[in-house]
C-alpha cells in the first residue's frame, strides 16, 4: 500500500510535467514561427519597443511608443495569418486553466488535483476509472424491484453530490450479489467526476494498511492512516471479508469511523453482514458508529444474485 508521501511525490511529478509540457509546446511553437523572417523581425521589433517604453518618462514619448507597438502588433497578426500559427499558440495552454496546472488555487486544492489524487488511490485498489459503472447507465429492469432500486440510486447520487450533509455515513447491507459494490462504484465514479477526493478501499486492503500502521514506527505512523482520515469521501467495500486481526482491525476501524464522523466526512460501507453480526464481530463501538441513524443513511439491498441473473 502506497502511503501519503509516495502519493504526494507522484502528484508533484504529474503537475510539474503538465506545466513543463504546456510551456515547452508554447516555446516550440514560437521558435518554429520565428524561423519565418517577417515574424522574427516583427516579434523582436515589438520586444525592443517595449523595452524603450519601459524606460520612457514623458507622456508624449510613452504615447508614441504605445502607438508604434500597436501598429507593429497589427503587422505581426497579418504576418502570422500567412503561417500555421496564431498569437495564442505562443502562450502555454494548461490542462486546467483554473490553477494553471499547479494543483492549487490559493491554499485550496483544485478539483483537478483532487481528481488525480483519487485516481492514484483508485489504481492502488486495483480499479481503473474507465471500468467504473455510471449512474447514467443503470439497467433497472434487472433488479427485483426496479422502482425501489431507482429511488435508492437517486438517494446515493444525492448523497455524493450534496455538500454539508447532516448524515455523513452511507451503509449498504445485503447478501452476496445484490449489487452493493456496483452501487458503491457508481458513487465512486460520480464523486471523481465531481472533483471529490475519494478513496476506494476493499476491506482486506484497508486491513493490511491498518496492520502496517500498527507495526510502523512513530515517525511514519502519521503518513499511513492520514489519507483515510481526511479524504473527502471514503468507500470501504465488503466489510467482513477481511481477517480480524487482534489489536488492529477493530481498534483502527473504530478510529477511522469515529474520526470521520467527528469531522463530518462522508464514509460509505458495503457489507454482507447483518447489524447483529457487525456488533458481534467488531464490537459495540464500531456498531454504534455504523448504525447510528442520526449520522448515517442505512439501506438494505434485497433480491437474487444479479451475477447469476446476468449470466
Protein backbone atom coordinates (compact mmCIF):
# COMPACT_ATOMS: atom_id res chain seq x y z
CA UNK A 1 0.00 0.00 0.00
CA UNK A 2 1.48 3.32 -1.05
CA UNK A 3 1.46 5.99 1.64
CA UNK A 4 0.73 9.69 1.63
CA UNK A 5 4.36 10.64 0.98
CA UNK A 6 4.54 8.47 -2.13
CA UNK A 7 1.21 9.85 -3.38
CA UNK A 8 2.47 13.42 -2.79
CA UNK A 9 5.63 12.74 -4.82
CA UNK A 10 3.63 11.25 -7.69
CA UNK A 11 1.19 14.17 -7.69
CA UNK A 12 4.03 16.69 -7.67
CA UNK A 13 5.59 14.93 -10.67
CA UNK A 14 2.24 14.84 -12.53
CA UNK A 15 1.62 18.57 -12.18
CA UNK A 16 5.26 19.51 -12.74
CA UNK A 17 5.22 17.56 -16.02
CA UNK A 18 1.92 19.20 -17.06
CA UNK A 19 3.29 22.70 -16.51
CA UNK A 20 6.57 21.91 -18.27
CA UNK A 21 4.75 20.36 -21.23
CA UNK A 22 2.42 23.36 -21.67
CA UNK A 23 5.37 25.78 -21.54
CA UNK A 24 7.50 23.64 -23.84
CA UNK A 25 4.78 23.39 -26.50
CA UNK A 26 4.34 27.18 -26.48
CA UNK A 27 8.10 27.71 -26.67
CA UNK A 28 8.48 25.22 -29.53
CA UNK A 29 5.67 26.96 -31.45
CA UNK A 30 7.37 30.33 -31.02
CA UNK A 31 10.79 29.03 -32.07
CA UNK A 32 9.28 27.45 -35.18
CA UNK A 33 7.36 30.63 -36.07
CA UNK A 34 10.48 32.78 -35.59
CA UNK A 35 12.16 30.89 -38.42
CA UNK A 36 9.95 33.00 -40.69
CA UNK A 37 11.94 36.23 -41.27
CA UNK A 38 8.90 38.53 -41.25
CA UNK A 39 7.64 37.02 -37.99
CA UNK A 40 11.15 37.23 -36.50
CA UNK A 41 11.63 40.88 -37.41
CA UNK A 42 8.18 41.98 -36.26
CA UNK A 43 8.39 40.00 -32.99
CA UNK A 44 11.75 41.47 -31.97
CA UNK A 45 10.72 44.96 -33.10
CA UNK A 46 7.84 44.79 -30.61
CA UNK A 47 10.12 43.49 -27.89
CA UNK A 48 12.64 46.28 -28.49
CA UNK A 49 9.96 48.97 -28.42
CA UNK A 50 8.51 47.50 -25.18
CA UNK A 51 11.93 47.89 -23.55
CA UNK A 52 12.14 51.50 -24.76
CA UNK A 53 8.59 52.12 -23.49
CA UNK A 54 9.55 50.89 -20.01
CA UNK A 55 12.35 53.49 -19.93
CA UNK A 56 10.27 56.39 -21.25
CA UNK A 57 9.25 59.05 -18.72
CA UNK A 58 7.32 61.78 -20.55
CA UNK A 59 3.71 61.31 -21.67
CA UNK A 60 4.40 62.20 -25.32
CA UNK A 61 7.12 59.57 -25.75
CA UNK A 62 5.03 56.94 -23.93
CA UNK A 63 2.08 57.64 -26.21
CA UNK A 64 4.28 57.40 -29.31
CA UNK A 65 5.76 54.03 -28.29
CA UNK A 66 2.31 52.61 -27.48
CA UNK A 67 1.08 53.67 -30.91
CA UNK A 68 4.13 52.13 -32.63
CA UNK A 69 3.77 48.89 -30.67
CA UNK A 70 0.09 48.59 -31.57
CA UNK A 71 0.90 49.18 -35.26
CA UNK A 72 3.63 46.54 -35.16
CA UNK A 73 1.29 44.09 -33.41
CA UNK A 74 -1.22 44.57 -36.19
CA UNK A 75 1.55 43.87 -38.70
CA UNK A 76 2.55 40.73 -36.76
CA UNK A 77 -1.04 39.46 -36.82
CA UNK A 78 -1.12 39.93 -40.59
CA UNK A 79 2.19 38.08 -40.96
CA UNK A 80 1.05 35.26 -38.71
CA UNK A 81 -2.12 34.87 -40.77
CA UNK A 82 0.12 33.57 -43.56
CA UNK A 83 1.59 30.90 -41.26
CA UNK A 84 0.03 27.92 -39.41
CA UNK A 85 0.31 29.85 -36.12
CA UNK A 86 -1.83 32.26 -34.12
CA UNK A 87 -0.74 34.53 -31.27
CA UNK A 88 -2.41 32.16 -28.79
CA UNK A 89 -0.07 29.34 -29.85
CA UNK A 90 2.81 31.09 -28.09
CA UNK A 91 1.03 31.12 -24.72
CA UNK A 92 1.08 27.99 -22.50
CA UNK A 93 -2.27 26.17 -22.66
CA UNK A 94 -2.69 24.40 -19.33
CA UNK A 95 -4.93 21.37 -18.93
CA UNK A 96 -6.59 23.16 -16.02
CA UNK A 97 -6.98 26.90 -16.68
CA UNK A 98 -8.28 27.42 -13.13
CA UNK A 99 -5.00 26.57 -11.38
CA UNK A 100 -2.69 26.66 -14.44
CA UNK A 101 -1.63 23.10 -13.63
CA UNK A 102 -0.26 23.95 -10.19
CA UNK A 103 -2.94 21.85 -8.47
CA UNK A 104 -3.85 24.69 -6.11
CA UNK A 105 -5.98 27.81 -6.16
CA UNK A 106 -4.51 29.88 -3.36
CA UNK A 107 -4.11 27.45 -0.46
CA UNK A 108 -7.00 25.24 -1.59
CA UNK A 109 -6.64 22.06 -3.64
CA UNK A 110 -8.02 22.48 -7.15
CA UNK A 111 -10.63 19.98 -8.36
CA UNK A 112 -8.07 18.67 -10.90
CA UNK A 113 -5.68 17.89 -8.04
CA UNK A 114 -8.40 16.00 -6.14
CA UNK A 115 -9.23 14.07 -9.30
CA UNK A 116 -5.63 12.91 -9.77
CA UNK A 117 -5.36 12.13 -6.05
CA UNK A 118 -8.44 9.91 -6.26
CA UNK A 119 -7.14 8.20 -9.40
CA UNK A 120 -3.85 7.25 -7.73
CA UNK A 121 -5.59 5.69 -4.74
CA UNK A 122 -8.04 4.02 -7.11
CA UNK A 123 -5.21 2.44 -9.13
CA UNK A 124 -3.74 1.19 -5.89
CA UNK A 125 -7.04 -0.52 -5.06
CA UNK A 126 -6.89 -2.45 -8.35
CA UNK A 127 -9.62 -0.44 -10.12
CA UNK A 128 -9.50 1.69 -13.24
CA UNK A 129 -11.68 4.77 -13.81
CA UNK A 130 -12.51 3.54 -17.32
CA UNK A 131 -14.04 0.36 -15.88
CA UNK A 132 -16.28 2.04 -13.32
CA UNK A 133 -20.09 1.84 -13.73
CA UNK A 134 -22.07 5.06 -14.02
CA UNK A 135 -25.38 6.31 -12.65
CA UNK A 136 -26.23 7.19 -16.26
CA UNK A 137 -26.14 3.58 -17.48
CA UNK A 138 -28.15 1.68 -14.88
CA UNK A 139 -30.48 -1.04 -16.22
CA UNK A 140 -33.11 -1.08 -13.51
CA UNK A 141 -35.09 -3.91 -15.10
CA UNK A 142 -32.53 -6.48 -13.94
CA UNK A 143 -33.40 -5.71 -10.30
CA UNK A 144 -36.19 -7.48 -8.45
CA UNK A 145 -37.81 -4.13 -7.51
CA UNK A 146 -36.87 -1.63 -10.24
CA UNK A 147 -38.73 1.38 -8.80
CA UNK A 148 -37.31 0.93 -5.30
CA UNK A 149 -33.84 0.47 -6.78
CA UNK A 150 -34.21 3.66 -8.82
CA UNK A 151 -35.06 5.58 -5.64
CA UNK A 152 -32.06 4.06 -3.88
CA UNK A 153 -29.67 5.05 -6.68
CA UNK A 154 -31.16 8.55 -6.70
CA UNK A 155 -30.58 8.78 -2.93
CA UNK A 156 -26.98 7.56 -3.38
CA UNK A 157 -26.27 10.13 -6.11
CA UNK A 158 -27.71 12.92 -3.95
CA UNK A 159 -25.54 11.76 -1.04
CA UNK A 160 -22.39 12.00 -3.17
CA UNK A 161 -23.11 15.39 -4.72
CA UNK A 162 -24.75 17.24 -1.84
CA UNK A 163 -22.45 19.25 0.41
CA UNK A 164 -22.61 19.61 4.21
CA UNK A 165 -24.88 16.65 4.81
CA UNK A 166 -26.27 16.14 8.30
CA UNK A 167 -25.71 12.40 7.80
CA UNK A 168 -22.14 11.56 6.88
CA UNK A 169 -22.36 7.73 6.68
CA UNK A 170 -23.97 5.65 3.94
CA UNK A 171 -24.17 1.98 4.98
CA UNK A 172 -25.16 -0.58 2.32
CA UNK A 173 -26.13 -4.01 3.66
CA UNK A 174 -27.29 -7.09 1.77
CA UNK A 175 -26.37 -10.61 0.82
CA UNK A 176 -23.84 -11.53 -1.86
CA UNK A 177 -24.62 -10.48 -5.41
CA UNK A 178 -27.41 -7.96 -4.86
CA UNK A 179 -25.35 -5.06 -6.26
CA UNK A 180 -23.76 -3.39 -3.23
CA UNK A 181 -20.29 -3.00 -4.74
CA UNK A 182 -21.81 -1.93 -8.06
CA UNK A 183 -23.72 0.85 -6.30
CA UNK A 184 -20.64 1.94 -4.36
CA UNK A 185 -18.61 2.09 -7.58
CA UNK A 186 -21.29 4.23 -9.23
CA UNK A 187 -20.93 6.55 -6.24
CA UNK A 188 -17.15 6.47 -6.65
CA UNK A 189 -17.38 7.32 -10.35
CA UNK A 190 -19.77 10.19 -9.65
CA UNK A 191 -17.50 11.52 -6.89
CA UNK A 192 -14.44 11.50 -9.15
CA UNK A 193 -16.36 13.27 -11.93
CA UNK A 194 -17.38 15.95 -9.43
CA UNK A 195 -13.83 16.53 -8.19
CA UNK A 196 -14.42 14.89 -4.81
CA UNK A 197 -11.24 13.43 -3.31
CA UNK A 198 -12.29 9.82 -2.78
CA UNK A 199 -10.50 6.67 -1.65
CA UNK A 200 -11.96 3.25 -2.53
CA UNK A 201 -10.65 0.66 -0.08
CA UNK A 202 -11.54 -3.04 -0.25
CA UNK A 203 -11.84 -4.15 3.38
CA UNK A 204 -8.93 -6.60 3.14
CA UNK A 205 -6.65 -3.86 1.73
CA UNK A 206 -7.67 -1.44 4.46
CA UNK A 207 -6.96 -4.20 6.98
CA UNK A 208 -3.43 -4.54 5.56
CA UNK A 209 -2.96 -0.78 5.85
CA UNK A 210 -4.13 -0.82 9.46
CA UNK A 211 -1.65 -3.61 10.24
CA UNK A 212 1.15 -1.58 8.63
CA UNK A 213 0.10 1.36 10.79
CA UNK A 214 0.14 -0.82 13.92
CA UNK A 215 3.65 -2.10 13.20
CA UNK A 216 5.14 1.19 11.94
CA UNK A 217 7.49 3.46 13.87
CA UNK A 218 6.08 6.59 15.48
CA UNK A 219 7.67 8.82 12.83
CA UNK A 220 5.97 7.05 9.90
CA UNK A 221 2.59 6.26 11.50
CA UNK A 222 1.00 9.61 10.62
CA UNK A 223 1.59 9.08 6.89
CA UNK A 224 -0.19 5.71 6.75
CA UNK A 225 -3.72 6.29 8.03
CA UNK A 226 -3.92 10.05 7.41
CA UNK A 227 -5.43 9.76 3.88
CA UNK A 228 -8.24 7.55 5.20
CA UNK A 229 -8.94 10.00 7.99
CA UNK A 230 -9.02 13.14 5.85
CA UNK A 231 -10.19 12.31 2.28
CA UNK A 232 -13.50 13.91 1.26
CA UNK A 233 -15.13 10.51 0.82
CA UNK A 234 -14.00 7.03 1.89
CA UNK A 235 -15.55 3.85 0.49
CA UNK A 236 -14.91 0.64 2.45
CA UNK A 237 -16.06 -2.25 0.28
CA UNK A 238 -17.10 -5.68 1.52
CA UNK A 239 -16.55 -5.16 5.23
CA UNK A 240 -16.48 -8.58 6.87
CA UNK A 241 -14.44 -10.28 4.15
CA UNK A 242 -11.15 -9.43 5.90
CA UNK A 243 -9.46 -11.42 8.68
CA UNK A 244 -9.96 -9.93 12.13
CA UNK A 245 -6.50 -9.09 13.48
CA UNK A 246 -6.16 -8.79 17.24
CA UNK A 247 -5.49 -5.22 18.43
CA UNK A 248 -5.69 -4.00 14.82
CA UNK A 249 -8.93 -4.44 12.87
CA UNK A 250 -11.50 -3.39 15.46
CA UNK A 251 -9.36 -0.66 17.05
CA UNK A 252 -8.30 1.17 13.89
CA UNK A 253 -11.60 0.70 12.08
CA UNK A 254 -13.25 2.46 15.00
CA UNK A 255 -10.54 5.14 14.93
CA UNK A 256 -11.25 5.83 11.24
CA UNK A 257 -15.05 5.82 11.59
CA UNK A 258 -15.03 7.93 14.75
CA UNK A 259 -12.59 10.50 13.36
CA UNK A 260 -14.51 10.87 10.10
CA UNK A 261 -17.85 11.16 11.90
CA UNK A 262 -16.50 13.92 14.15
CA UNK A 263 -15.21 15.79 11.09
CA UNK A 264 -18.48 15.15 9.21
CA UNK A 265 -16.66 13.44 6.33
CA UNK A 266 -18.53 11.04 4.07
CA UNK A 267 -18.00 7.32 4.62
CA UNK A 268 -19.62 4.59 2.53
CA UNK A 269 -19.50 0.97 3.69
CA UNK A 270 -20.77 -2.13 1.90
CA UNK A 271 -21.14 -5.38 3.81
CA UNK A 272 -22.74 -8.83 3.59
CA UNK A 273 -23.08 -8.83 7.36
CA UNK A 274 -26.24 -8.04 9.30
CA UNK A 275 -26.19 -5.37 12.03
CA UNK A 276 -26.20 -8.15 14.63
CA UNK A 277 -23.16 -9.79 13.04
CA UNK A 278 -21.35 -6.42 12.87
CA UNK A 279 -21.88 -5.96 16.61
CA UNK A 280 -20.74 -9.50 17.37
CA UNK A 281 -17.63 -9.42 15.16
CA UNK A 282 -16.41 -5.84 15.55
CA UNK A 283 -17.84 -4.76 18.95
CA UNK A 284 -20.41 -2.19 20.05
CA UNK A 285 -18.26 0.89 19.28
CA UNK A 286 -17.96 0.08 15.57
CA UNK A 287 -21.62 -0.93 15.51
CA UNK A 288 -22.70 2.38 17.06
CA UNK A 289 -20.68 4.38 14.54
CA UNK A 290 -22.08 2.43 11.57
CA UNK A 291 -25.73 2.13 12.55
CA UNK A 292 -26.37 5.42 14.31
CA UNK A 293 -29.28 6.79 12.26
CA UNK A 294 -28.58 10.33 13.45
CA UNK A 295 -25.33 10.41 11.48
CA UNK A 296 -25.99 7.82 8.79
CA UNK A 297 -28.19 6.53 5.99
CA UNK A 298 -28.67 2.76 6.27
CA UNK A 299 -30.01 0.77 3.34
CA UNK A 300 -30.62 -2.96 2.94
CA UNK A 301 -30.43 -4.23 -0.62
CA UNK A 302 -32.51 -7.34 -1.29
CA UNK A 303 -33.14 -9.69 -4.20
CA UNK A 304 -31.49 -12.54 -6.06
CA UNK A 305 -27.84 -12.79 -7.05
CA UNK A 306 -27.62 -10.40 -10.02
CA UNK A 307 -24.49 -12.08 -11.35
CA UNK A 308 -26.43 -15.32 -11.86
CA UNK A 309 -29.32 -13.42 -13.45
CA UNK A 310 -26.98 -11.62 -15.89
CA UNK A 311 -25.28 -14.89 -16.84
